[in-house]
PDB file of N, CA and C in Angstrom:
ATOM      1  N   MET A   1      13.804  25.878  -3.891  1.00  0.00           N
ATOM      2  CA  MET A   1      13.798  25.289  -2.569  1.00  0.00           C
ATOM      3  C   MET A   1      12.705  25.972  -1.749  1.00  0.00           C
ATOM      4  N   THR A   2      11.986  25.172  -0.949  1.00  0.00           N
ATOM      5  CA  THR A   2      10.897  25.743  -0.163  1.00  0.00           C
ATOM      6  C   THR A   2      11.338  25.968   1.271  1.00  0.00           C
ATOM      7  N   ASN A   3      10.724  26.931   1.888  1.00  0.00           N
ATOM      8  CA  ASN A   3      10.938  27.223   3.287  1.00  0.00           C
ATOM      9  C   ASN A   3      10.326  26.094   4.104  1.00  0.00           C
ATOM     10  N   ALA A   4      10.923  25.736   5.238  1.00  0.00           N
ATOM     11  CA  ALA A   4      10.420  24.646   6.066  1.00  0.00           C
ATOM     12  C   ALA A   4       8.981  24.883   6.512  1.00  0.00           C
ATOM     13  N   SER A   5       8.578  26.139   6.644  1.00  0.00           N
ATOM     14  CA  SER A   5       7.215  26.422   7.077  1.00  0.00           C
ATOM     15  C   SER A   5       6.232  26.506   5.907  1.00  0.00           C
ATOM     16  N   THR A   6       6.731  26.438   4.683  1.00  0.00           N
ATOM     17  CA  THR A   6       5.877  26.485   3.511  1.00  0.00           C
ATOM     18  C   THR A   6       5.444  25.067   3.161  1.00  0.00           C
ATOM     19  N   PRO A   7       4.137  24.800   3.160  1.00  0.00           N
ATOM     20  CA  PRO A   7       3.696  23.449   2.839  1.00  0.00           C
ATOM     21  C   PRO A   7       3.939  23.115   1.369  1.00  0.00           C
ATOM     22  N   VAL A   8       4.229  21.865   1.116  1.00  0.00           N
ATOM     23  CA  VAL A   8       4.387  21.397  -0.254  1.00  0.00           C
ATOM     24  C   VAL A   8       2.991  21.120  -0.784  1.00  0.00           C
ATOM     25  N   GLU A   9       2.696  21.696  -1.931  1.00  0.00           N
ATOM     26  CA  GLU A   9       1.365  21.564  -2.503  1.00  0.00           C
ATOM     27  C   GLU A   9       1.452  21.021  -3.914  1.00  0.00           C
ATOM     28  N   PRO A  10       0.390  20.359  -4.367  1.00  0.00           N
ATOM     29  CA  PRO A  10       0.377  19.894  -5.749  1.00  0.00           C
ATOM     30  C   PRO A  10       0.182  21.076  -6.691  1.00  0.00           C
ATOM     31  N   VAL A  11       0.858  21.037  -7.815  1.00  0.00           N
ATOM     32  CA  VAL A  11       0.673  22.084  -8.817  1.00  0.00           C
ATOM     33  C   VAL A  11       0.041  21.530 -10.094  1.00  0.00           C
ATOM     34  N   GLU A  12       0.143  20.204 -10.275  1.00  0.00           N
ATOM     35  CA  GLU A  12      -0.451  19.584 -11.465  1.00  0.00           C
ATOM     36  C   GLU A  12      -0.658  18.096 -11.204  1.00  0.00           C
ATOM     37  N   VAL A  13      -1.775  17.577 -11.710  1.00  0.00           N
ATOM     38  CA  VAL A  13      -2.053  16.142 -11.656  1.00  0.00           C
ATOM     39  C   VAL A  13      -2.299  15.689 -13.084  1.00  0.00           C
ATOM     40  N   ARG A  14      -1.596  14.631 -13.481  1.00  0.00           N
ATOM     41  CA  ARG A  14      -1.768  14.069 -14.823  1.00  0.00           C
ATOM     42  C   ARG A  14      -2.210  12.616 -14.690  1.00  0.00           C
ATOM     43  N   ALA A  15      -3.393  12.337 -15.201  1.00  0.00           N
ATOM     44  CA  ALA A  15      -3.933  10.976 -15.192  1.00  0.00           C
ATOM     45  C   ALA A  15      -4.699  10.773 -16.493  1.00  0.00           C
ATOM     46  N   PRO A  16      -3.969  10.630 -17.602  1.00  0.00           N
ATOM     47  CA  PRO A  16      -4.638  10.476 -18.893  1.00  0.00           C
ATOM     48  C   PRO A  16      -5.541   9.246 -18.928  1.00  0.00           C
ATOM     49  N   ARG A  17      -6.670   9.367 -19.591  1.00  0.00           N
ATOM     50  CA  ARG A  17      -7.600   8.250 -19.718  1.00  0.00           C
ATOM     51  C   ARG A  17      -6.860   7.062 -20.335  1.00  0.00           C
ATOM     52  N   GLY A  18      -7.006   5.898 -19.719  1.00  0.00           N
ATOM     53  CA  GLY A  18      -6.371   4.684 -20.205  1.00  0.00           C
ATOM     54  C   GLY A  18      -4.947   4.469 -19.708  1.00  0.00           C
ATOM     55  N   ALA A  19      -4.359   5.465 -19.069  1.00  0.00           N
ATOM     56  CA  ALA A  19      -2.990   5.321 -18.547  1.00  0.00           C
ATOM     57  C   ALA A  19      -3.000   4.407 -17.319  1.00  0.00           C
ATOM     58  N   GLU A  20      -1.858   3.828 -17.032  1.00  0.00           N
ATOM     59  CA  GLU A  20      -1.727   2.952 -15.871  1.00  0.00           C
ATOM     60  C   GLU A  20      -1.111   3.650 -14.671  1.00  0.00           C
ATOM     61  N   THR A  21      -0.713   4.915 -14.859  1.00  0.00           N
ATOM     62  CA  THR A  21      -0.107   5.681 -13.771  1.00  0.00           C
ATOM     63  C   THR A  21      -0.726   7.072 -13.683  1.00  0.00           C
ATOM     64  N   THR A  22      -0.559   7.659 -12.517  1.00  0.00           N
ATOM     65  CA  THR A  22      -0.966   9.034 -12.257  1.00  0.00           C
ATOM     66  C   THR A  22       0.269   9.783 -11.794  1.00  0.00           C
ATOM     67  N   GLU A  23       0.496  10.983 -12.349  1.00  0.00           N
ATOM     68  CA  GLU A  23       1.637  11.822 -11.976  1.00  0.00           C
ATOM     69  C   GLU A  23       1.134  13.017 -11.180  1.00  0.00           C
ATOM     70  N   ILE A  24       1.822  13.298 -10.095  1.00  0.00           N
ATOM     71  CA  ILE A  24       1.522  14.498  -9.310  1.00  0.00           C
ATOM     72  C   ILE A  24       2.794  15.328  -9.252  1.00  0.00           C
ATOM     73  N   HIS A  25       2.708  16.560  -9.720  1.00  0.00           N
ATOM     74  CA  HIS A  25       3.835  17.497  -9.683  1.00  0.00           C
ATOM     75  C   HIS A  25       3.619  18.402  -8.474  1.00  0.00           C
ATOM     76  N   TRP A  26       4.655  18.496  -7.634  1.00  0.00           N
ATOM     77  CA  TRP A  26       4.571  19.243  -6.382  1.00  0.00           C
ATOM     78  C   TRP A  26       5.315  20.577  -6.485  1.00  0.00           C
ATOM     79  N   SER A  27       4.956  21.487  -5.591  1.00  0.00           N
ATOM     80  CA  SER A  27       5.538  22.833  -5.594  1.00  0.00           C
ATOM     81  C   SER A  27       7.032  22.843  -5.296  1.00  0.00           C
ATOM     82  N   ASP A  28       7.576  21.779  -4.724  1.00  0.00           N
ATOM     83  CA  ASP A  28       9.011  21.726  -4.461  1.00  0.00           C
ATOM     84  C   ASP A  28       9.788  21.100  -5.612  1.00  0.00           C
ATOM     85  N   GLY A  29       9.103  20.817  -6.736  1.00  0.00           N
ATOM     86  CA  GLY A  29       9.755  20.249  -7.901  1.00  0.00           C
ATOM     87  C   GLY A  29       9.722  18.732  -7.969  1.00  0.00           C
ATOM     88  N   THR A  30       9.292  18.084  -6.920  1.00  0.00           N
ATOM     89  CA  THR A  30       9.191  16.628  -6.895  1.00  0.00           C
ATOM     90  C   THR A  30       8.034  16.178  -7.791  1.00  0.00           C
ATOM     91  N   VAL A  31       8.235  15.062  -8.458  1.00  0.00           N
ATOM     92  CA  VAL A  31       7.170  14.448  -9.248  1.00  0.00           C
ATOM     93  C   VAL A  31       6.928  13.061  -8.671  1.00  0.00           C
ATOM     94  N   THR A  32       5.709  12.798  -8.260  1.00  0.00           N
ATOM     95  CA  THR A  32       5.314  11.490  -7.746  1.00  0.00           C
ATOM     96  C   THR A  32       4.588  10.754  -8.851  1.00  0.00           C
ATOM     97  N   VAL A  33       5.047   9.551  -9.173  1.00  0.00           N
ATOM     98  CA  VAL A  33       4.379   8.714 -10.167  1.00  0.00           C
ATOM     99  C   VAL A  33       3.859   7.478  -9.440  1.00  0.00           C
ATOM    100  N   LEU A  34       2.549   7.327  -9.428  1.00  0.00           N
ATOM    101  CA  LEU A  34       1.906   6.214  -8.741  1.00  0.00           C
ATOM    102  C   LEU A  34       1.165   5.350  -9.742  1.00  0.00           C
ATOM    103  N   SER A  35       1.324   4.045  -9.632  1.00  0.00           N
ATOM    104  CA  SER A  35       0.521   3.179 -10.490  1.00  0.00           C
ATOM    105  C   SER A  35      -0.921   3.230  -9.972  1.00  0.00           C
ATOM    106  N   ASN A  36      -1.851   3.203 -10.900  1.00  0.00           N
ATOM    107  CA  ASN A  36      -3.262   3.227 -10.505  1.00  0.00           C
ATOM    108  C   ASN A  36      -3.607   1.969  -9.706  1.00  0.00           C
ATOM    109  N   GLU A  37      -2.954   0.857 -10.039  1.00  0.00           N
ATOM    110  CA  GLU A  37      -3.172  -0.388  -9.303  1.00  0.00           C
ATOM    111  C   GLU A  37      -2.763  -0.214  -7.834  1.00  0.00           C
ATOM    112  N   LEU A  38      -1.652   0.455  -7.613  1.00  0.00           N
ATOM    113  CA  LEU A  38      -1.184   0.712  -6.253  1.00  0.00           C
ATOM    114  C   LEU A  38      -2.174   1.603  -5.504  1.00  0.00           C
ATOM    115  N   MET A  39      -2.616   2.672  -6.143  1.00  0.00           N
ATOM    116  CA  MET A  39      -3.562   3.575  -5.477  1.00  0.00           C
ATOM    117  C   MET A  39      -4.876   2.870  -5.167  1.00  0.00           C
ATOM    118  N   ARG A  40      -5.362   2.034  -6.107  1.00  0.00           N
ATOM    119  CA  ARG A  40      -6.616   1.307  -5.868  1.00  0.00           C
ATOM    120  C   ARG A  40      -6.440   0.343  -4.706  1.00  0.00           C
ATOM    121  N   GLY A  41      -5.302  -0.349  -4.666  1.00  0.00           N
ATOM    122  CA  GLY A  41      -5.039  -1.304  -3.591  1.00  0.00           C
ATOM    123  C   GLY A  41      -4.873  -0.665  -2.222  1.00  0.00           C
ATOM    124  N   TYR A  42      -4.416   0.580  -2.206  1.00  0.00           N
ATOM    125  CA  TYR A  42      -4.258   1.317  -0.954  1.00  0.00           C
ATOM    126  C   TYR A  42      -5.387   2.323  -0.749  1.00  0.00           C
ATOM    127  N   CYS A  43      -6.557   2.026  -1.285  1.00  0.00           N
ATOM    128  CA  CYS A  43      -7.700   2.917  -1.071  1.00  0.00           C
ATOM    129  C   CYS A  43      -7.876   3.130   0.429  1.00  0.00           C
ATOM    130  N   PRO A  44      -7.924   4.386   0.868  1.00  0.00           N
ATOM    131  CA  PRO A  44      -7.959   4.657   2.301  1.00  0.00           C
ATOM    132  C   PRO A  44      -9.341   4.579   2.953  1.00  0.00           C
ATOM    133  N   CYS A  45     -10.376   4.224   2.215  1.00  0.00           N
ATOM    134  CA  CYS A  45     -11.716   4.228   2.803  1.00  0.00           C
ATOM    135  C   CYS A  45     -11.892   3.110   3.834  1.00  0.00           C
ATOM    136  N   ALA A  46     -12.843   3.269   4.717  1.00  0.00           N
ATOM    137  CA  ALA A  46     -13.096   2.280   5.766  1.00  0.00           C
ATOM    138  C   ALA A  46     -13.573   0.952   5.186  1.00  0.00           C
ATOM    139  N   GLY A  47     -14.269   0.981   4.050  1.00  0.00           N
ATOM    140  CA  GLY A  47     -14.716  -0.256   3.421  1.00  0.00           C
ATOM    141  C   GLY A  47     -13.554  -1.114   2.959  1.00  0.00           C
ATOM    142  N   CYS A  48     -12.497  -0.475   2.499  1.00  0.00           N
ATOM    143  CA  CYS A  48     -11.309  -1.212   2.031  1.00  0.00           C
ATOM    144  C   CYS A  48     -10.343  -1.515   3.162  1.00  0.00           C
ATOM    145  N   GLN A  49     -10.178  -0.593   4.089  1.00  0.00           N
ATOM    146  CA  GLN A  49      -9.157  -0.722   5.126  1.00  0.00           C
ATOM    147  C   GLN A  49      -9.698  -1.143   6.483  1.00  0.00           C
ATOM    148  N   GLY A  50     -11.006  -1.120   6.652  1.00  0.00           N
ATOM    149  CA  GLY A  50     -11.562  -1.394   7.969  1.00  0.00           C
ATOM    150  C   GLY A  50     -11.403  -0.162   8.847  1.00  0.00           C
ATOM    151  N   HIS A  51     -11.533  -0.353  10.127  1.00  0.00           N
ATOM    152  CA  HIS A  51     -11.480   0.789  11.044  1.00  0.00           C
ATOM    153  C   HIS A  51     -10.236   0.789  11.915  1.00  0.00           C
ATOM    154  N   SER A  52      -9.233   0.012  11.531  1.00  0.00           N
ATOM    155  CA  SER A  52      -7.991   0.015  12.300  1.00  0.00           C
ATOM    156  C   SER A  52      -7.107   1.147  11.794  1.00  0.00           C
ATOM    157  N   SER A  53      -6.048   1.391  12.481  1.00  0.00           N
ATOM    158  CA  SER A  53      -5.126   2.460  12.064  1.00  0.00           C
ATOM    159  C   SER A  53      -4.079   1.942  11.085  1.00  0.00           C
ATOM    160  N   THR A  54      -4.103   0.648  10.778  1.00  0.00           N
ATOM    161  CA  THR A  54      -3.140   0.052   9.872  1.00  0.00           C
ATOM    162  C   THR A  54      -3.666   0.090   8.446  1.00  0.00           C
ATOM    163  N   ILE A  55      -2.860   0.637   7.546  1.00  0.00           N
ATOM    164  CA  ILE A  55      -3.215   0.678   6.128  1.00  0.00           C
ATOM    165  C   ILE A  55      -2.448  -0.438   5.441  1.00  0.00           C
ATOM    166  N   ALA A  56      -3.146  -1.250   4.657  1.00  0.00           N
ATOM    167  CA  ALA A  56      -2.507  -2.362   3.957  1.00  0.00           C
ATOM    168  C   ALA A  56      -2.992  -2.423   2.516  1.00  0.00           C
ATOM    169  N   TYR A  57      -2.196  -3.028   1.670  1.00  0.00           N
ATOM    170  CA  TYR A  57      -2.567  -3.215   0.271  1.00  0.00           C
ATOM    171  C   TYR A  57      -3.643  -4.287   0.191  1.00  0.00           C
ATOM    172  N   ARG A  58      -4.728  -3.989  -0.508  1.00  0.00           N
ATOM    173  CA  ARG A  58      -5.832  -4.929  -0.706  1.00  0.00           C
ATOM    174  C   ARG A  58      -5.884  -5.296  -2.181  1.00  0.00           C
ATOM    175  N   HIS A  59      -5.674  -6.559  -2.473  1.00  0.00           N
ATOM    176  CA  HIS A  59      -5.723  -7.029  -3.862  1.00  0.00           C
ATOM    177  C   HIS A  59      -7.145  -6.970  -4.377  1.00  0.00           C
ATOM    178  N   GLY A  60      -7.268  -6.786  -5.672  1.00  0.00           N
ATOM    179  CA  GLY A  60      -8.583  -6.776  -6.300  1.00  0.00           C
ATOM    180  C   GLY A  60      -9.036  -5.364  -6.593  1.00  0.00           C
ATOM    181  N   GLY A  61     -10.165  -5.244  -7.202  1.00  0.00           N
ATOM    182  CA  GLY A  61     -10.672  -3.937  -7.597  1.00  0.00           C
ATOM    183  C   GLY A  61     -10.124  -3.538  -8.946  1.00  0.00           C
ATOM    184  N   ASN A  62     -10.895  -2.825  -9.691  1.00  0.00           N
ATOM    185  CA  ASN A  62     -10.499  -2.390 -11.028  1.00  0.00           C
ATOM    186  C   ASN A  62      -9.702  -1.092 -10.917  1.00  0.00           C
ATOM    187  N   PRO A  63      -8.429  -1.091 -11.337  1.00  0.00           N
ATOM    188  CA  PRO A  63      -7.585   0.097 -11.179  1.00  0.00           C
ATOM    189  C   PRO A  63      -7.734   1.140 -12.283  1.00  0.00           C
ATOM    190  N   GLU A  64      -8.671   0.952 -13.198  1.00  0.00           N
ATOM    191  CA  GLU A  64      -8.872   1.965 -14.238  1.00  0.00           C
ATOM    192  C   GLU A  64      -9.609   3.158 -13.629  1.00  0.00           C
ATOM    193  N   ILE A  65      -9.121   4.351 -13.895  1.00  0.00           N
ATOM    194  CA  ILE A  65      -9.753   5.558 -13.360  1.00  0.00           C
ATOM    195  C   ILE A  65     -10.853   6.004 -14.308  1.00  0.00           C
ATOM    196  N   ASP A  66     -12.086   6.046 -13.792  1.00  0.00           N
ATOM    197  CA  ASP A  66     -13.214   6.572 -14.570  1.00  0.00           C
ATOM    198  C   ASP A  66     -13.269   8.087 -14.485  1.00  0.00           C
ATOM    199  N   SER A  67     -13.031   8.605 -13.269  1.00  0.00           N
ATOM    200  CA  SER A  67     -13.044  10.055 -13.082  1.00  0.00           C
ATOM    201  C   SER A  67     -12.296  10.412 -11.808  1.00  0.00           C
ATOM    202  N   ILE A  68     -11.909  11.683 -11.734  1.00  0.00           N
ATOM    203  CA  ILE A  68     -11.232  12.226 -10.551  1.00  0.00           C
ATOM    204  C   ILE A  68     -11.950  13.512 -10.173  1.00  0.00           C
ATOM    205  N   SER A  69     -12.222  13.671  -8.893  1.00  0.00           N
ATOM    206  CA  SER A  69     -12.802  14.932  -8.439  1.00  0.00           C
ATOM    207  C   SER A  69     -11.999  15.463  -7.259  1.00  0.00           C
ATOM    208  N   GLU A  70     -11.968  16.770  -7.143  1.00  0.00           N
ATOM    209  CA  GLU A  70     -11.282  17.408  -6.024  1.00  0.00           C
ATOM    210  C   GLU A  70     -12.183  17.381  -4.807  1.00  0.00           C
ATOM    211  N   VAL A  71     -11.580  17.204  -3.654  1.00  0.00           N
ATOM    212  CA  VAL A  71     -12.290  17.273  -2.382  1.00  0.00           C
ATOM    213  C   VAL A  71     -11.704  18.475  -1.658  1.00  0.00           C
ATOM    214  N   GLY A  72     -12.453  19.570  -1.649  1.00  0.00           N
ATOM    215  CA  GLY A  72     -11.924  20.801  -1.076  1.00  0.00           C
ATOM    216  C   GLY A  72     -10.609  21.150  -1.743  1.00  0.00           C
ATOM    217  N   ASN A  73      -9.672  21.639  -0.942  1.00  0.00           N
ATOM    218  CA  ASN A  73      -8.335  21.922  -1.486  1.00  0.00           C
ATOM    219  C   ASN A  73      -7.295  21.009  -0.856  1.00  0.00           C
ATOM    220  N   TYR A  74      -7.757  19.849  -0.348  1.00  0.00           N
ATOM    221  CA  TYR A  74      -6.853  18.975   0.380  1.00  0.00           C
ATOM    222  C   TYR A  74      -6.790  17.537  -0.124  1.00  0.00           C
ATOM    223  N   ALA A  75      -7.603  17.165  -1.115  1.00  0.00           N
ATOM    224  CA  ALA A  75      -7.638  15.749  -1.493  1.00  0.00           C
ATOM    225  C   ALA A  75      -8.242  15.536  -2.879  1.00  0.00           C
ATOM    226  N   LEU A  76      -8.118  14.282  -3.331  1.00  0.00           N
ATOM    227  CA  LEU A  76      -8.758  13.821  -4.558  1.00  0.00           C
ATOM    228  C   LEU A  76      -9.622  12.609  -4.234  1.00  0.00           C
ATOM    229  N   CYS A  77     -10.662  12.443  -5.023  1.00  0.00           N
ATOM    230  CA  CYS A  77     -11.500  11.256  -4.947  1.00  0.00           C
ATOM    231  C   CYS A  77     -11.505  10.622  -6.332  1.00  0.00           C
ATOM    232  N   PHE A  78     -11.136   9.362  -6.401  1.00  0.00           N
ATOM    233  CA  PHE A  78     -11.097   8.632  -7.667  1.00  0.00           C
ATOM    234  C   PHE A  78     -12.339   7.768  -7.785  1.00  0.00           C
ATOM    235  N   ARG A  79     -12.939   7.754  -8.952  1.00  0.00           N
ATOM    236  CA  ARG A  79     -13.985   6.779  -9.249  1.00  0.00           C
ATOM    237  C   ARG A  79     -13.299   5.713 -10.091  1.00  0.00           C
ATOM    238  N   TRP A  80     -13.207   4.508  -9.522  1.00  0.00           N
ATOM    239  CA  TRP A  80     -12.486   3.416 -10.151  1.00  0.00           C
ATOM    240  C   TRP A  80     -13.380   2.669 -11.130  1.00  0.00           C
ATOM    241  N   GLY A  81     -12.782   1.851 -11.973  1.00  0.00           N
ATOM    242  CA  GLY A  81     -13.484   1.119 -13.015  1.00  0.00           C
ATOM    243  C   GLY A  81     -14.558   0.177 -12.506  1.00  0.00           C
ATOM    244  N   ASP A  82     -14.495  -0.193 -11.237  1.00  0.00           N
ATOM    245  CA  ASP A  82     -15.521  -1.052 -10.647  1.00  0.00           C
ATOM    246  C   ASP A  82     -16.611  -0.247  -9.943  1.00  0.00           C
ATOM    247  N   GLY A  83     -16.575   1.088 -10.113  1.00  0.00           N
ATOM    248  CA  GLY A  83     -17.585   1.957  -9.507  1.00  0.00           C
ATOM    249  C   GLY A  83     -17.248   2.437  -8.110  1.00  0.00           C
ATOM    250  N   HIS A  84     -16.207   1.893  -7.508  1.00  0.00           N
ATOM    251  CA  HIS A  84     -15.827   2.291  -6.150  1.00  0.00           C
ATOM    252  C   HIS A  84     -15.348   3.739  -6.152  1.00  0.00           C
ATOM    253  N   ASP A  85     -15.860   4.543  -5.209  1.00  0.00           N
ATOM    254  CA  ASP A  85     -15.466   5.954  -5.168  1.00  0.00           C
ATOM    255  C   ASP A  85     -15.545   6.565  -3.777  1.00  0.00           C
ATOM    256  N   SER A  86     -15.380   5.750  -2.736  1.00  0.00           N
ATOM    257  CA  SER A  86     -15.514   6.307  -1.389  1.00  0.00           C
ATOM    258  C   SER A  86     -14.187   6.649  -0.714  1.00  0.00           C
ATOM    259  N   GLY A  87     -13.073   6.408  -1.382  1.00  0.00           N
ATOM    260  CA  GLY A  87     -11.779   6.750  -0.796  1.00  0.00           C
ATOM    261  C   GLY A  87     -11.438   8.211  -1.023  1.00  0.00           C
ATOM    262  N   ILE A  88     -11.025   8.889   0.026  1.00  0.00           N
ATOM    263  CA  ILE A  88     -10.562  10.270  -0.075  1.00  0.00           C
ATOM    264  C   ILE A  88      -9.049  10.252   0.123  1.00  0.00           C
ATOM    265  N   TYR A  89      -8.339  10.568  -0.957  1.00  0.00           N
ATOM    266  CA  TYR A  89      -6.884  10.529  -0.985  1.00  0.00           C
ATOM    267  C   TYR A  89      -6.352  11.932  -0.735  1.00  0.00           C
ATOM    268  N   THR A  90      -5.955  12.212   0.507  1.00  0.00           N
ATOM    269  CA  THR A  90      -5.423  13.539   0.809  1.00  0.00           C
ATOM    270  C   THR A  90      -4.093  13.718   0.087  1.00  0.00           C
ATOM    271  N   TRP A  91      -3.723  14.979  -0.107  1.00  0.00           N
ATOM    272  CA  TRP A  91      -2.432  15.263  -0.750  1.00  0.00           C
ATOM    273  C   TRP A  91      -1.304  14.639   0.059  1.00  0.00           C
ATOM    274  N   ASP A  92      -1.376  14.747   1.370  1.00  0.00           N
ATOM    275  CA  ASP A  92      -0.346  14.170   2.228  1.00  0.00           C
ATOM    276  C   ASP A  92      -0.291  12.654   2.048  1.00  0.00           C
ATOM    277  N   TYR A  93      -1.439  12.007   1.971  1.00  0.00           N
ATOM    278  CA  TYR A  93      -1.492  10.559   1.789  1.00  0.00           C
ATOM    279  C   TYR A  93      -0.851  10.161   0.461  1.00  0.00           C
ATOM    280  N   LEU A  94      -1.182  10.878  -0.614  1.00  0.00           N
ATOM    281  CA  LEU A  94      -0.609  10.576  -1.923  1.00  0.00           C
ATOM    282  C   LEU A  94       0.904  10.785  -1.932  1.00  0.00           C
ATOM    283  N   ARG A  95       1.354  11.836  -1.288  1.00  0.00           N
ATOM    284  CA  ARG A  95       2.798  12.108  -1.212  1.00  0.00           C
ATOM    285  C   ARG A  95       3.503  10.983  -0.459  1.00  0.00           C
ATOM    286  N   ARG A  96       2.948  10.591   0.696  1.00  0.00           N
ATOM    287  CA  ARG A  96       3.551   9.521   1.490  1.00  0.00           C
ATOM    288  C   ARG A  96       3.490   8.176   0.771  1.00  0.00           C
ATOM    289  N   LEU A  97       2.405   7.912   0.054  1.00  0.00           N
ATOM    290  CA  LEU A  97       2.296   6.673  -0.711  1.00  0.00           C
ATOM    291  C   LEU A  97       3.376   6.615  -1.794  1.00  0.00           C
ATOM    292  N   GLY A  98       3.638   7.739  -2.435  1.00  0.00           N
ATOM    293  CA  GLY A  98       4.705   7.799  -3.433  1.00  0.00           C
ATOM    294  C   GLY A  98       6.072   7.556  -2.818  1.00  0.00           C
ATOM    295  N   GLN A  99       6.329   8.143  -1.660  1.00  0.00           N
ATOM    296  CA  GLN A  99       7.611   7.934  -0.974  1.00  0.00           C
ATOM    297  C   GLN A  99       7.760   6.477  -0.544  1.00  0.00           C
ATOM    298  N   HIS A 100       6.674   5.915  -0.059  1.00  0.00           N
ATOM    299  CA  HIS A 100       6.648   4.514   0.364  1.00  0.00           C
ATOM    300  C   HIS A 100       6.972   3.606  -0.823  1.00  0.00           C
ATOM    301  N   ALA A 101       6.365   3.872  -1.952  1.00  0.00           N
ATOM    302  CA  ALA A 101       6.584   3.066  -3.160  1.00  0.00           C
ATOM    303  C   ALA A 101       8.027   3.196  -3.644  1.00  0.00           C
ATOM    304  N   GLU A 102       8.596   4.394  -3.557  1.00  0.00           N
ATOM    305  CA  GLU A 102       9.994   4.587  -3.961  1.00  0.00           C
ATOM    306  C   GLU A 102      10.942   3.799  -3.073  1.00  0.00           C
ATOM    307  N   GLN A 103      10.670   3.773  -1.781  1.00  0.00           N
ATOM    308  CA  GLN A 103      11.545   3.083  -0.832  1.00  0.00           C
ATOM    309  C   GLN A 103      11.475   1.572  -0.973  1.00  0.00           C
ATOM    310  N   LEU A 104      10.261   1.039  -1.143  1.00  0.00           N
ATOM    311  CA  LEU A 104      10.082  -0.413  -1.148  1.00  0.00           C
ATOM    312  C   LEU A 104      10.017  -1.034  -2.538  1.00  0.00           C
ATOM    313  N   GLY A 105       9.790  -0.228  -3.544  1.00  0.00           N
ATOM    314  CA  GLY A 105       9.595  -0.771  -4.892  1.00  0.00           C
ATOM    315  C   GLY A 105       8.184  -1.293  -5.046  1.00  0.00           C
ATOM    316  N   ARG A 106       7.777  -1.465  -6.277  1.00  0.00           N
ATOM    317  CA  ARG A 106       6.401  -1.882  -6.586  1.00  0.00           C
ATOM    318  C   ARG A 106       6.013  -3.177  -5.868  1.00  0.00           C
ATOM    319  N   ASP A 107       6.843  -4.203  -5.988  1.00  0.00           N
ATOM    320  CA  ASP A 107       6.503  -5.494  -5.385  1.00  0.00           C
ATOM    321  C   ASP A 107       6.466  -5.420  -3.876  1.00  0.00           C
ATOM    322  N   GLY A 108       7.404  -4.712  -3.284  1.00  0.00           N
ATOM    323  CA  GLY A 108       7.461  -4.603  -1.834  1.00  0.00           C
ATOM    324  C   GLY A 108       6.242  -3.913  -1.249  1.00  0.00           C
ATOM    325  N   VAL A 109       5.787  -2.878  -1.886  1.00  0.00           N
ATOM    326  CA  VAL A 109       4.666  -2.124  -1.347  1.00  0.00           C
ATOM    327  C   VAL A 109       3.348  -2.872  -1.566  1.00  0.00           C
ATOM    328  N   MET A 110       3.270  -3.706  -2.562  1.00  0.00           N
ATOM    329  CA  MET A 110       2.041  -4.464  -2.798  1.00  0.00           C
ATOM    330  C   MET A 110       1.969  -5.727  -1.924  1.00  0.00           C
ATOM    331  N   ARG A 111       3.059  -6.071  -1.255  1.00  0.00           N
ATOM    332  CA  ARG A 111       3.036  -7.205  -0.328  1.00  0.00           C
ATOM    333  C   ARG A 111       2.602  -6.793   1.059  1.00  0.00           C
ATOM    334  N   ARG A 112       2.641  -5.525   1.345  1.00  0.00           N
ATOM    335  CA  ARG A 112       2.363  -5.059   2.705  1.00  0.00           C
ATOM    336  C   ARG A 112       0.899  -4.957   2.983  1.00  0.00           C
TER     337      ARG A 112
END
């Protein structure tokens, strides 16, 4: 169990080549499993989401992960199968996206 003032941090990321999901293991023992299609559709970049504060699922784009790079110690950047790589997925964003997907289910979160 973590202290309320101790931030939850990722301890491991698993995204095997060719897999359809990415697993993030957190310091509090939680495991977030996100479909790559979901992450691609919720790309947080301004090109995908525009400049509003509303984040929505955008259909399209190739959800195959070509590569993953760390952005400082706070985020990941995915290079998708269509070459898109401008989204910066903060750890907090990935955690919240996983919680959102758990609450609404795959179909529910892709309709939003």
